[in-house]
C-alpha cells in the first residue's frame, strides 16, 4: 500500500524478479552463503560488514540497504535515493537482520 501523497509510485507485476547479482537485496542473499570464487566485491564487503547499500543499481532513483539473515534470507529497505534514511539505515537494517537470525536460531532477543 502506497500513501496517496507519495513522491514516487512503484508497481510490479506478481512474480517480477531482479537478478540476484545486482542490488543490495541480492548481494545480501549471496553474502549469507559461503564465499565463491569470482563473486562481486560488494558481496564480500557485505559479508564482512553485515550490510550493503546501493543506489540505482536495480531501480533508477531508488536506493536499498540490505543485510543477510543466516544463510537463508535477507532483509532490505528500499527508499528514495538521497533520503536521510541512508545515514542511519545500515545500522538499523543490520540490527534487524541479527534479531531475526537470533529468533530463527531459537535464541531469545
N, C-alpha and C. Protein backbone atom coordinates (compact mmCIF):
# COMPACT_ATOMS: atom_id res chain seq x y z
N UNK A 1 0.85 -1.16 0.00
CA UNK A 1 0.00 0.00 0.00
C UNK A 1 0.90 1.23 0.00
N UNK A 2 0.64 2.13 -0.93
CA UNK A 2 1.42 3.36 -1.02
C UNK A 2 0.55 4.55 -0.62
N UNK A 3 1.12 5.49 0.13
CA UNK A 3 0.34 6.67 0.51
C UNK A 3 0.02 7.52 -0.73
N UNK A 4 -1.12 8.18 -0.70
CA UNK A 4 -1.54 9.00 -1.85
C UNK A 4 -0.60 10.17 -2.11
N UNK A 5 0.04 10.70 -1.09
CA UNK A 5 0.93 11.84 -1.25
C UNK A 5 2.37 11.47 -1.52
N UNK A 6 2.63 10.24 -1.84
CA UNK A 6 3.99 9.75 -2.07
C UNK A 6 4.63 10.42 -3.29
N UNK A 7 5.93 10.65 -3.22
CA UNK A 7 6.68 11.25 -4.32
C UNK A 7 6.82 10.28 -5.49
N UNK A 8 6.95 9.01 -5.19
CA UNK A 8 7.17 8.00 -6.21
C UNK A 8 6.16 6.88 -6.03
N UNK A 9 5.70 6.33 -7.12
CA UNK A 9 4.84 5.15 -7.09
C UNK A 9 5.55 4.08 -7.88
N UNK A 10 5.73 2.93 -7.29
CA UNK A 10 6.42 1.82 -7.93
C UNK A 10 5.51 0.61 -7.85
N UNK A 11 5.18 0.07 -8.98
CA UNK A 11 4.34 -1.13 -9.00
C UNK A 11 5.02 -2.18 -9.87
N UNK A 12 4.94 -3.42 -9.46
CA UNK A 12 5.49 -4.54 -10.21
C UNK A 12 4.42 -5.61 -10.32
N UNK A 13 4.48 -6.34 -11.38
CA UNK A 13 3.56 -7.47 -11.56
C UNK A 13 3.98 -8.58 -10.60
N UNK A 14 3.01 -9.35 -10.10
CA UNK A 14 3.36 -10.51 -9.27
C UNK A 14 4.34 -11.41 -10.02
N UNK A 15 5.34 -11.86 -9.31
CA UNK A 15 6.33 -12.74 -9.92
C UNK A 15 7.52 -12.02 -10.53
N UNK A 16 7.49 -10.68 -10.52
CA UNK A 16 8.62 -9.93 -11.06
C UNK A 16 9.84 -10.21 -10.21
N UNK A 17 10.96 -10.48 -10.86
CA UNK A 17 12.19 -10.78 -10.14
C UNK A 17 13.32 -9.90 -10.64
N UNK A 18 14.28 -9.68 -9.79
CA UNK A 18 15.51 -8.97 -10.15
C UNK A 18 16.66 -9.95 -10.04
N UNK A 19 17.67 -9.73 -10.83
CA UNK A 19 18.84 -10.61 -10.82
C UNK A 19 19.47 -10.62 -9.42
N UNK A 20 19.86 -11.79 -8.94
CA UNK A 20 20.41 -11.91 -7.59
C UNK A 20 21.79 -11.26 -7.48
N UNK A 21 22.45 -11.07 -8.61
CA UNK A 21 23.80 -10.49 -8.54
C UNK A 21 23.80 -8.98 -8.78
N UNK A 22 22.62 -8.35 -8.65
CA UNK A 22 22.52 -6.90 -8.76
C UNK A 22 21.73 -6.35 -7.59
N UNK A 23 22.23 -5.32 -6.98
CA UNK A 23 21.49 -4.63 -5.94
C UNK A 23 21.68 -5.22 -4.55
N UNK A 24 21.42 -4.39 -3.57
CA UNK A 24 21.65 -4.75 -2.18
C UNK A 24 20.91 -6.02 -1.73
N UNK A 25 19.61 -6.20 -2.04
CA UNK A 25 18.95 -7.42 -1.57
C UNK A 25 19.60 -8.70 -2.10
N UNK A 26 19.94 -8.73 -3.37
CA UNK A 26 20.59 -9.90 -3.95
C UNK A 26 21.96 -10.13 -3.38
N UNK A 27 22.72 -9.05 -3.22
CA UNK A 27 24.07 -9.20 -2.66
C UNK A 27 24.01 -9.69 -1.22
N UNK A 28 23.01 -9.24 -0.46
CA UNK A 28 22.87 -9.71 0.92
C UNK A 28 22.53 -11.20 0.95
N UNK A 29 21.67 -11.65 0.03
CA UNK A 29 21.38 -13.08 -0.05
C UNK A 29 22.66 -13.87 -0.35
N UNK A 30 23.44 -13.40 -1.31
CA UNK A 30 24.69 -14.08 -1.67
C UNK A 30 25.70 -14.03 -0.52
N UNK A 31 25.71 -12.92 0.23
CA UNK A 31 26.66 -12.78 1.34
C UNK A 31 26.37 -13.76 2.47
N UNK A 32 25.14 -14.22 2.57
CA UNK A 32 24.80 -15.20 3.60
C UNK A 32 25.34 -16.59 3.28
N UNK A 33 25.70 -16.80 2.04
CA UNK A 33 26.24 -18.10 1.63
C UNK A 33 27.77 -18.10 1.77
N UNK A 34 28.36 -19.26 1.54
CA UNK A 34 29.82 -19.36 1.58
C UNK A 34 30.43 -18.56 0.44
N UNK A 35 31.62 -18.01 0.65
CA UNK A 35 32.29 -17.25 -0.41
C UNK A 35 32.48 -18.11 -1.67
N UNK A 36 32.34 -17.46 -2.83
CA UNK A 36 32.53 -18.14 -4.11
C UNK A 36 33.64 -17.44 -4.89
N UNK A 37 34.40 -18.23 -5.62
CA UNK A 37 35.42 -17.67 -6.49
C UNK A 37 34.74 -16.76 -7.51
N UNK A 38 35.26 -15.55 -7.65
CA UNK A 38 34.73 -14.63 -8.64
C UNK A 38 33.52 -13.82 -8.22
N UNK A 39 33.11 -13.93 -6.93
CA UNK A 39 31.94 -13.15 -6.52
C UNK A 39 32.29 -11.66 -6.53
N UNK A 40 31.27 -10.84 -6.69
CA UNK A 40 31.47 -9.38 -6.72
C UNK A 40 32.02 -8.91 -5.38
N UNK A 41 32.85 -7.90 -5.45
CA UNK A 41 33.46 -7.40 -4.21
C UNK A 41 32.41 -6.86 -3.25
N UNK A 42 31.27 -6.43 -3.76
CA UNK A 42 30.20 -5.94 -2.89
C UNK A 42 29.64 -7.07 -2.01
N UNK A 43 29.62 -8.27 -2.53
CA UNK A 43 29.14 -9.42 -1.75
C UNK A 43 30.11 -9.71 -0.62
N UNK A 44 31.40 -9.69 -0.94
CA UNK A 44 32.43 -9.91 0.08
C UNK A 44 32.37 -8.82 1.14
N UNK A 45 32.20 -7.57 0.71
CA UNK A 45 32.11 -6.44 1.64
C UNK A 45 30.87 -6.56 2.53
N UNK A 46 29.76 -7.01 1.97
CA UNK A 46 28.53 -7.20 2.75
C UNK A 46 28.75 -8.27 3.81
N UNK A 47 29.39 -9.34 3.43
CA UNK A 47 29.66 -10.43 4.38
C UNK A 47 30.50 -9.91 5.54
N UNK A 48 31.47 -9.06 5.27
CA UNK A 48 32.36 -8.53 6.31
C UNK A 48 31.64 -7.50 7.19
N UNK A 49 30.87 -6.61 6.58
CA UNK A 49 30.22 -5.52 7.32
C UNK A 49 28.89 -5.93 7.94
N UNK A 50 28.23 -6.93 7.34
CA UNK A 50 26.92 -7.33 7.82
C UNK A 50 25.78 -6.60 7.13
N UNK A 51 26.09 -5.74 6.18
CA UNK A 51 25.08 -5.00 5.42
C UNK A 51 25.72 -4.46 4.14
N UNK A 52 24.86 -4.03 3.22
CA UNK A 52 25.32 -3.42 1.97
C UNK A 52 24.29 -2.38 1.54
N UNK A 53 24.77 -1.35 0.86
CA UNK A 53 23.89 -0.27 0.41
C UNK A 53 24.17 0.02 -1.06
N UNK A 54 23.11 0.22 -1.84
CA UNK A 54 23.27 0.54 -3.26
C UNK A 54 22.33 1.68 -3.64
N UNK A 55 22.68 2.36 -4.73
CA UNK A 55 21.82 3.40 -5.29
C UNK A 55 21.71 3.18 -6.79
N UNK A 56 20.48 3.12 -7.27
CA UNK A 56 20.17 2.99 -8.70
C UNK A 56 20.80 1.74 -9.33
N UNK A 57 21.11 0.74 -8.54
CA UNK A 57 21.68 -0.50 -9.09
C UNK A 57 20.61 -1.29 -9.84
N UNK A 58 19.38 -1.27 -9.35
CA UNK A 58 18.29 -2.01 -9.98
C UNK A 58 17.20 -1.05 -10.47
N UNK A 59 16.83 -0.08 -9.65
CA UNK A 59 15.77 0.86 -9.99
C UNK A 59 16.30 2.29 -9.98
N UNK A 60 16.17 3.03 -11.07
CA UNK A 60 16.63 4.42 -11.11
C UNK A 60 15.94 5.25 -10.03
N UNK A 61 16.71 6.08 -9.34
CA UNK A 61 16.16 6.96 -8.32
C UNK A 61 15.90 6.30 -6.98
N UNK A 62 16.21 5.02 -6.86
CA UNK A 62 15.96 4.31 -5.62
C UNK A 62 17.26 3.79 -5.03
N UNK A 63 17.31 3.71 -3.72
CA UNK A 63 18.45 3.13 -3.00
C UNK A 63 17.93 1.96 -2.18
N UNK A 64 18.84 1.09 -1.78
CA UNK A 64 18.46 -0.05 -0.95
C UNK A 64 19.56 -0.32 0.06
N UNK A 65 19.15 -0.73 1.23
CA UNK A 65 20.05 -1.19 2.29
C UNK A 65 19.59 -2.59 2.63
N UNK A 66 20.51 -3.54 2.66
CA UNK A 66 20.13 -4.93 2.93
C UNK A 66 21.16 -5.61 3.80
N UNK A 67 20.71 -6.66 4.49
CA UNK A 67 21.59 -7.45 5.35
C UNK A 67 21.18 -8.91 5.27
N UNK A 68 22.18 -9.81 5.29
CA UNK A 68 21.84 -11.24 5.26
C UNK A 68 21.26 -11.70 6.59
N UNK A 69 20.39 -12.70 6.50
CA UNK A 69 19.84 -13.36 7.69
C UNK A 69 20.28 -14.82 7.58
N UNK A 70 21.25 -15.17 8.41
CA UNK A 70 21.85 -16.50 8.36
C UNK A 70 22.25 -16.80 6.91
N UNK A 71 22.01 -18.02 6.46
CA UNK A 71 22.32 -18.35 5.07
C UNK A 71 21.05 -18.64 4.28
N UNK A 72 19.92 -18.09 4.78
CA UNK A 72 18.64 -18.45 4.17
C UNK A 72 17.83 -17.28 3.64
N UNK A 73 18.14 -16.06 4.04
CA UNK A 73 17.28 -14.94 3.68
C UNK A 73 18.05 -13.63 3.79
N UNK A 74 17.36 -12.55 3.48
CA UNK A 74 17.91 -11.21 3.64
C UNK A 74 16.76 -10.28 3.97
N UNK A 75 17.08 -9.16 4.58
CA UNK A 75 16.10 -8.12 4.85
C UNK A 75 16.60 -6.86 4.14
N UNK A 76 15.67 -6.11 3.56
CA UNK A 76 16.06 -4.91 2.82
C UNK A 76 15.06 -3.79 3.02
N UNK A 77 15.58 -2.58 2.95
CA UNK A 77 14.75 -1.38 2.93
C UNK A 77 15.08 -0.67 1.63
N UNK A 78 14.06 -0.46 0.80
CA UNK A 78 14.23 0.26 -0.46
C UNK A 78 13.60 1.63 -0.27
N UNK A 79 14.34 2.67 -0.64
CA UNK A 79 13.88 4.04 -0.38
C UNK A 79 14.33 4.99 -1.48
N UNK A 80 13.79 6.20 -1.47
CA UNK A 80 14.21 7.20 -2.43
C UNK A 80 15.68 7.51 -2.25
N UNK A 81 16.42 7.54 -3.34
CA UNK A 81 17.84 7.87 -3.28
C UNK A 81 18.01 9.26 -2.66
N UNK A 82 19.00 9.39 -1.80
CA UNK A 82 19.29 10.66 -1.16
C UNK A 82 18.48 10.96 0.08
N UNK A 83 17.56 10.09 0.45
CA UNK A 83 16.75 10.29 1.65
C UNK A 83 17.65 10.10 2.87
N UNK A 84 17.41 10.85 3.95
CA UNK A 84 18.24 10.73 5.15
C UNK A 84 18.32 9.34 5.76
N UNK A 85 17.40 8.42 5.40
CA UNK A 85 17.49 7.06 5.94
C UNK A 85 18.85 6.46 5.63
N UNK A 86 19.50 6.96 4.58
CA UNK A 86 20.81 6.46 4.20
C UNK A 86 21.85 6.63 5.30
N UNK A 87 21.68 7.62 6.17
CA UNK A 87 22.66 7.88 7.23
C UNK A 87 22.58 6.88 8.38
N UNK A 88 21.39 6.49 8.76
CA UNK A 88 21.25 5.60 9.91
C UNK A 88 20.70 4.23 9.54
N UNK A 89 20.28 4.10 8.32
CA UNK A 89 19.66 2.87 7.86
C UNK A 89 20.51 1.62 7.98
N UNK A 90 21.80 1.66 7.60
CA UNK A 90 22.59 0.43 7.67
C UNK A 90 22.62 -0.21 9.06
N UNK A 91 22.80 0.59 10.09
CA UNK A 91 22.85 0.04 11.45
C UNK A 91 21.50 -0.56 11.84
N UNK A 92 20.41 0.09 11.46
CA UNK A 92 19.07 -0.40 11.80
C UNK A 92 18.77 -1.70 11.06
N UNK A 93 19.08 -1.75 9.77
CA UNK A 93 18.81 -2.95 8.97
C UNK A 93 19.67 -4.12 9.46
N UNK A 94 20.95 -3.86 9.75
CA UNK A 94 21.83 -4.93 10.26
C UNK A 94 21.34 -5.45 11.60
N UNK A 95 20.88 -4.55 12.47
CA UNK A 95 20.36 -4.98 13.77
C UNK A 95 19.08 -5.81 13.60
N UNK A 96 18.22 -5.42 12.67
CA UNK A 96 17.01 -6.19 12.41
C UNK A 96 17.36 -7.59 11.90
N UNK A 97 18.34 -7.67 11.02
CA UNK A 97 18.77 -8.98 10.50
C UNK A 97 19.30 -9.87 11.62
N UNK A 98 20.09 -9.29 12.52
CA UNK A 98 20.61 -10.07 13.65
C UNK A 98 19.48 -10.54 14.56
N UNK A 99 18.51 -9.67 14.82
CA UNK A 99 17.39 -10.04 15.68
C UNK A 99 16.57 -11.17 15.05
N UNK A 100 16.32 -11.09 13.77
CA UNK A 100 15.57 -12.14 13.09
C UNK A 100 16.38 -13.45 13.12
N UNK A 101 17.68 -13.36 12.85
CA UNK A 101 18.52 -14.56 12.87
C UNK A 101 18.50 -15.20 14.24
N UNK A 102 18.56 -14.39 15.29
CA UNK A 102 18.51 -14.93 16.66
C UNK A 102 17.19 -15.65 16.92
N UNK A 103 16.09 -15.07 16.49
CA UNK A 103 14.77 -15.69 16.69
C UNK A 103 14.67 -16.99 15.91
N UNK A 104 15.18 -16.99 14.68
CA UNK A 104 15.13 -18.20 13.86
C UNK A 104 16.01 -19.31 14.45
N UNK A 105 17.10 -18.91 15.08
CA UNK A 105 18.01 -19.89 15.69
C UNK A 105 17.52 -20.33 17.05
N UNK A 106 16.45 -19.72 17.55
CA UNK A 106 15.89 -20.12 18.82
C UNK A 106 16.46 -19.38 20.03
N UNK A 107 17.29 -18.37 19.79
CA UNK A 107 17.85 -17.59 20.89
C UNK A 107 16.87 -16.49 21.28
N UNK A 108 16.84 -16.13 22.55
CA UNK A 108 15.98 -15.01 22.95
C UNK A 108 16.53 -13.70 22.41
N UNK A 109 15.65 -12.78 22.09
CA UNK A 109 16.08 -11.47 21.57
C UNK A 109 16.36 -10.53 22.71
